[in-house]
Every structure is written in C-alpha cells, then in structure tokens.
Amino acid sequence: YSAIKQDKGVRVPFKKRLAVSEEVKRVREIGRKLTEARAARKVAKRLKEEEKRRRKQENEKRSEIVVPIKNVAKIKRMKKTQLKTIVKR
C-alpha cells in the first residue's frame, strides 16, 4: 500500500463547510421535532384509551341490574350456571 499515494483532494471552502453544518443541524432539528410529535401523539392516544376504558367501566357499573338475595336458601338450590352469575359485593 505504500506505493499508492493518496492526495488530500480539493479543500472545501469555509462558507460551504458552514452551509453543510447548518444543513445537518437543520435536518437533526426536524428529525427531533418529528420524534417529539410522534411521542406526543402516542401519549395522547394512550390517555384517550384510558379515559374511554374508565368511562366504559362506569357505564357498565351504572347499567347493572342488582337484585339482592334476601332468602339465602335460594343459593343452595341454584344450579352451577346460575351461581356463576352471582357476585358478592
């Protein structure tokens, strides 16, 4: 490899180097903004889903039909499928 001589090439002017570095900074800034926007959308979506889930649970709880069992002996006569629907609160 010592036989191959490498030249340094043409030196890039200072103004052009500055322009290239500014362009790189601008591209990085745009990329950072896009990433932040994506993260913000993701957080907003997660919060919206949590709110929706909470509202759904509240609505289900509100729409439940609750019949208290006064005669406890009825529980012993119930079939398995009926016993599965009973919830103690």
N, C-alpha and C. Protein backbone atom coordinates (compact mmCIF):
# COMPACT_ATOMS: atom_id res chain seq x y z
N TYR A 1 0.81 -1.20 0.00
CA TYR A 1 0.00 0.00 0.00
C TYR A 1 0.85 1.26 0.00
N SER A 2 2.07 1.13 0.36
CA SER A 2 2.92 2.32 0.42
C SER A 2 3.17 2.88 -0.97
N ALA A 3 3.00 2.04 -2.00
CA ALA A 3 3.23 2.51 -3.35
C ALA A 3 2.10 3.42 -3.82
N ILE A 4 0.91 3.27 -3.21
CA ILE A 4 -0.22 4.10 -3.61
C ILE A 4 -0.14 5.41 -2.84
N LYS A 5 -0.12 6.49 -3.58
CA LYS A 5 -0.03 7.79 -2.94
C LYS A 5 -1.43 8.42 -2.96
N GLN A 6 -1.88 8.84 -1.82
CA GLN A 6 -3.20 9.46 -1.74
C GLN A 6 -3.04 10.96 -1.63
N ASP A 7 -3.78 11.67 -2.48
CA ASP A 7 -3.73 13.12 -2.37
C ASP A 7 -4.84 13.58 -1.43
N LYS A 8 -4.69 14.75 -0.91
CA LYS A 8 -5.64 15.27 0.07
C LYS A 8 -6.94 15.73 -0.59
N GLY A 9 -6.96 15.91 -1.86
CA GLY A 9 -8.16 16.36 -2.54
C GLY A 9 -8.29 17.87 -2.47
N VAL A 10 -9.38 18.34 -3.02
CA VAL A 10 -9.61 19.78 -3.04
C VAL A 10 -10.19 20.21 -1.70
N ARG A 11 -9.65 21.26 -1.14
CA ARG A 11 -10.13 21.76 0.15
C ARG A 11 -11.47 22.47 -0.06
N VAL A 12 -12.44 22.12 0.79
CA VAL A 12 -13.77 22.71 0.70
C VAL A 12 -13.72 24.09 1.34
N PRO A 13 -14.27 25.09 0.68
CA PRO A 13 -14.25 26.44 1.26
C PRO A 13 -15.01 26.51 2.59
N PHE A 14 -14.61 27.47 3.41
CA PHE A 14 -15.18 27.62 4.75
C PHE A 14 -16.68 27.87 4.70
N LYS A 15 -17.12 28.72 3.78
CA LYS A 15 -18.55 29.04 3.67
C LYS A 15 -19.37 27.78 3.35
N LYS A 16 -18.82 26.95 2.48
CA LYS A 16 -19.54 25.74 2.11
C LYS A 16 -19.60 24.77 3.30
N ARG A 17 -18.51 24.69 4.06
CA ARG A 17 -18.50 23.83 5.25
C ARG A 17 -19.53 24.32 6.27
N LEU A 18 -19.61 25.64 6.43
CA LEU A 18 -20.61 26.20 7.34
C LEU A 18 -22.02 25.87 6.86
N ALA A 19 -22.24 26.01 5.56
CA ALA A 19 -23.56 25.72 4.99
C ALA A 19 -23.93 24.25 5.22
N VAL A 20 -22.97 23.37 5.01
CA VAL A 20 -23.23 21.94 5.21
C VAL A 20 -23.55 21.66 6.68
N SER A 21 -22.79 22.26 7.59
CA SER A 21 -23.04 22.03 9.01
C SER A 21 -24.40 22.59 9.42
N GLU A 22 -24.78 23.73 8.88
CA GLU A 22 -26.11 24.30 9.17
C GLU A 22 -27.21 23.37 8.65
N GLU A 23 -26.99 22.83 7.48
CA GLU A 23 -27.97 21.90 6.89
C GLU A 23 -28.13 20.66 7.77
N VAL A 24 -27.00 20.14 8.26
CA VAL A 24 -27.05 18.96 9.13
C VAL A 24 -27.80 19.30 10.41
N LYS A 25 -27.54 20.47 10.99
CA LYS A 25 -28.24 20.89 12.21
C LYS A 25 -29.74 21.00 11.96
N ARG A 26 -30.08 21.58 10.81
CA ARG A 26 -31.49 21.78 10.47
C ARG A 26 -32.20 20.42 10.33
N VAL A 27 -31.54 19.49 9.65
CA VAL A 27 -32.13 18.16 9.46
C VAL A 27 -32.30 17.45 10.80
N ARG A 28 -31.31 17.57 11.68
CA ARG A 28 -31.41 16.95 13.01
C ARG A 28 -32.56 17.55 13.81
N GLU A 29 -32.70 18.87 13.71
CA GLU A 29 -33.79 19.55 14.43
C GLU A 29 -35.15 19.08 13.92
N ILE A 30 -35.28 18.96 12.61
CA ILE A 30 -36.54 18.47 12.03
C ILE A 30 -36.83 17.05 12.51
N GLY A 31 -35.80 16.21 12.52
CA GLY A 31 -35.96 14.83 12.99
C GLY A 31 -36.37 14.78 14.45
N ARG A 32 -35.77 15.65 15.26
CA ARG A 32 -36.10 15.69 16.69
C ARG A 32 -37.55 16.14 16.89
N LYS A 33 -37.98 17.13 16.11
CA LYS A 33 -39.37 17.61 16.22
C LYS A 33 -40.35 16.51 15.82
N LEU A 34 -40.02 15.77 14.76
CA LEU A 34 -40.89 14.67 14.33
C LEU A 34 -41.00 13.60 15.42
N THR A 35 -39.87 13.29 16.05
CA THR A 35 -39.89 12.27 17.10
C THR A 35 -40.73 12.74 18.29
N GLU A 36 -40.56 14.02 18.66
CA GLU A 36 -41.35 14.56 19.77
C GLU A 36 -42.84 14.55 19.44
N ALA A 37 -43.17 14.91 18.20
CA ALA A 37 -44.58 14.92 17.80
C ALA A 37 -45.16 13.51 17.85
N ARG A 38 -44.39 12.53 17.40
CA ARG A 38 -44.84 11.14 17.42
C ARG A 38 -45.07 10.69 18.87
N ALA A 39 -44.13 11.05 19.76
CA ALA A 39 -44.27 10.67 21.16
C ALA A 39 -45.49 11.35 21.79
N ALA A 40 -45.72 12.61 21.44
CA ALA A 40 -46.88 13.33 21.98
C ALA A 40 -48.19 12.69 21.51
N ARG A 41 -48.22 12.29 20.23
CA ARG A 41 -49.42 11.62 19.71
C ARG A 41 -49.66 10.30 20.44
N LYS A 42 -48.57 9.58 20.71
CA LYS A 42 -48.68 8.29 21.39
C LYS A 42 -49.23 8.47 22.81
N VAL A 43 -48.72 9.49 23.51
CA VAL A 43 -49.19 9.76 24.88
C VAL A 43 -50.66 10.16 24.86
N ALA A 44 -51.03 11.02 23.90
CA ALA A 44 -52.42 11.46 23.81
C ALA A 44 -53.34 10.28 23.52
N LYS A 45 -52.91 9.39 22.65
CA LYS A 45 -53.71 8.21 22.31
C LYS A 45 -53.89 7.32 23.53
N ARG A 46 -52.81 7.13 24.30
CA ARG A 46 -52.87 6.28 25.49
C ARG A 46 -53.83 6.88 26.52
N LEU A 47 -53.75 8.20 26.73
CA LEU A 47 -54.64 8.86 27.68
C LEU A 47 -56.10 8.75 27.23
N LYS A 48 -56.31 8.91 25.93
CA LYS A 48 -57.67 8.81 25.39
C LYS A 48 -58.23 7.40 25.61
N GLU A 49 -57.41 6.38 25.37
CA GLU A 49 -57.85 5.00 25.57
C GLU A 49 -58.16 4.71 27.03
N GLU A 50 -57.32 5.24 27.95
CA GLU A 50 -57.56 5.05 29.37
C GLU A 50 -58.88 5.70 29.79
N GLU A 51 -59.12 6.91 29.29
CA GLU A 51 -60.36 7.62 29.59
C GLU A 51 -61.57 6.83 29.06
N LYS A 52 -61.43 6.31 27.85
CA LYS A 52 -62.51 5.52 27.24
C LYS A 52 -62.79 4.26 28.06
N ARG A 53 -61.73 3.59 28.49
CA ARG A 53 -61.87 2.37 29.30
C ARG A 53 -62.56 2.69 30.63
N ARG A 54 -62.16 3.82 31.24
CA ARG A 54 -62.75 4.21 32.52
C ARG A 54 -64.24 4.52 32.36
N ARG A 55 -64.59 5.27 31.30
CA ARG A 55 -65.99 5.60 31.04
C ARG A 55 -66.81 4.33 30.79
N LYS A 56 -66.22 3.39 30.05
CA LYS A 56 -66.92 2.15 29.74
C LYS A 56 -67.22 1.37 31.01
N GLN A 57 -66.24 1.30 31.92
CA GLN A 57 -66.45 0.61 33.19
C GLN A 57 -67.54 1.28 34.01
N GLU A 58 -67.51 2.62 34.04
CA GLU A 58 -68.54 3.35 34.79
C GLU A 58 -69.92 3.08 34.21
N ASN A 59 -70.02 3.09 32.89
CA ASN A 59 -71.31 2.84 32.24
C ASN A 59 -71.81 1.42 32.51
N GLU A 60 -70.89 0.45 32.46
CA GLU A 60 -71.28 -0.93 32.75
C GLU A 60 -71.79 -1.05 34.19
N LYS A 61 -71.08 -0.40 35.11
CA LYS A 61 -71.47 -0.46 36.51
C LYS A 61 -72.83 0.20 36.71
N ARG A 62 -73.06 1.32 36.02
CA ARG A 62 -74.32 2.05 36.13
C ARG A 62 -75.49 1.24 35.56
N SER A 63 -75.21 0.49 34.49
CA SER A 63 -76.30 -0.22 33.81
C SER A 63 -76.58 -1.61 34.40
N GLU A 64 -75.82 -2.01 35.40
CA GLU A 64 -76.05 -3.31 36.01
C GLU A 64 -77.40 -3.35 36.73
N ILE A 65 -78.01 -4.50 36.64
CA ILE A 65 -79.26 -4.71 37.36
C ILE A 65 -78.92 -5.51 38.61
N VAL A 66 -79.16 -4.91 39.76
CA VAL A 66 -78.78 -5.55 41.02
C VAL A 66 -80.05 -5.98 41.75
N VAL A 67 -80.09 -7.27 42.05
CA VAL A 67 -81.22 -7.82 42.82
C VAL A 67 -80.64 -8.49 44.06
N PRO A 68 -80.86 -7.91 45.21
CA PRO A 68 -80.32 -8.53 46.42
C PRO A 68 -81.07 -9.83 46.75
N ILE A 69 -80.32 -10.84 47.16
CA ILE A 69 -80.92 -12.13 47.52
C ILE A 69 -81.21 -12.08 49.02
N LYS A 70 -82.50 -12.06 49.33
CA LYS A 70 -82.89 -11.97 50.75
C LYS A 70 -82.96 -13.36 51.37
N ASN A 71 -83.41 -14.32 50.58
CA ASN A 71 -83.52 -15.69 51.07
C ASN A 71 -82.24 -16.43 50.69
N VAL A 72 -81.38 -16.67 51.66
CA VAL A 72 -80.08 -17.30 51.41
C VAL A 72 -80.25 -18.76 51.00
N ALA A 73 -81.35 -19.37 51.34
CA ALA A 73 -81.58 -20.77 51.00
C ALA A 73 -81.71 -20.96 49.49
N LYS A 74 -82.05 -19.88 48.78
CA LYS A 74 -82.16 -19.97 47.32
C LYS A 74 -80.81 -20.30 46.69
N ILE A 75 -79.75 -19.81 47.29
CA ILE A 75 -78.40 -20.04 46.75
C ILE A 75 -78.10 -21.53 46.71
N LYS A 76 -78.53 -22.26 47.72
CA LYS A 76 -78.26 -23.70 47.77
C LYS A 76 -79.04 -24.46 46.71
N ARG A 77 -80.17 -23.92 46.29
CA ARG A 77 -80.99 -24.60 45.28
C ARG A 77 -80.56 -24.26 43.86
N MET A 78 -79.73 -23.25 43.71
CA MET A 78 -79.34 -22.79 42.36
C MET A 78 -78.42 -23.78 41.67
N LYS A 79 -78.50 -23.75 40.35
CA LYS A 79 -77.60 -24.57 39.54
C LYS A 79 -76.26 -23.86 39.40
N LYS A 80 -75.26 -24.60 38.89
CA LYS A 80 -73.92 -24.04 38.75
C LYS A 80 -73.88 -22.81 37.85
N THR A 81 -74.62 -22.87 36.75
CA THR A 81 -74.60 -21.73 35.81
C THR A 81 -75.17 -20.48 36.45
N GLN A 82 -76.19 -20.65 37.30
CA GLN A 82 -76.76 -19.50 37.99
C GLN A 82 -75.81 -18.98 39.05
N LEU A 83 -75.10 -19.89 39.71
CA LEU A 83 -74.17 -19.47 40.76
C LEU A 83 -73.01 -18.64 40.19
N LYS A 84 -72.66 -18.92 38.94
CA LYS A 84 -71.56 -18.18 38.31
C LYS A 84 -71.91 -16.71 38.09
N THR A 85 -73.21 -16.43 37.93
CA THR A 85 -73.62 -15.05 37.68
C THR A 85 -73.69 -14.22 38.96
N ILE A 86 -73.71 -14.88 40.11
CA ILE A 86 -73.83 -14.16 41.38
C ILE A 86 -72.49 -13.50 41.73
N VAL A 87 -72.58 -12.25 42.13
CA VAL A 87 -71.39 -11.51 42.54
C VAL A 87 -71.65 -10.95 43.93
N LYS A 88 -70.74 -11.20 44.85
CA LYS A 88 -70.90 -10.69 46.20
C LYS A 88 -70.24 -9.32 46.30
N ARG A 89 -70.99 -8.37 46.84
CA ARG A 89 -70.44 -7.01 46.98
C ARG A 89 -70.66 -6.49 48.37
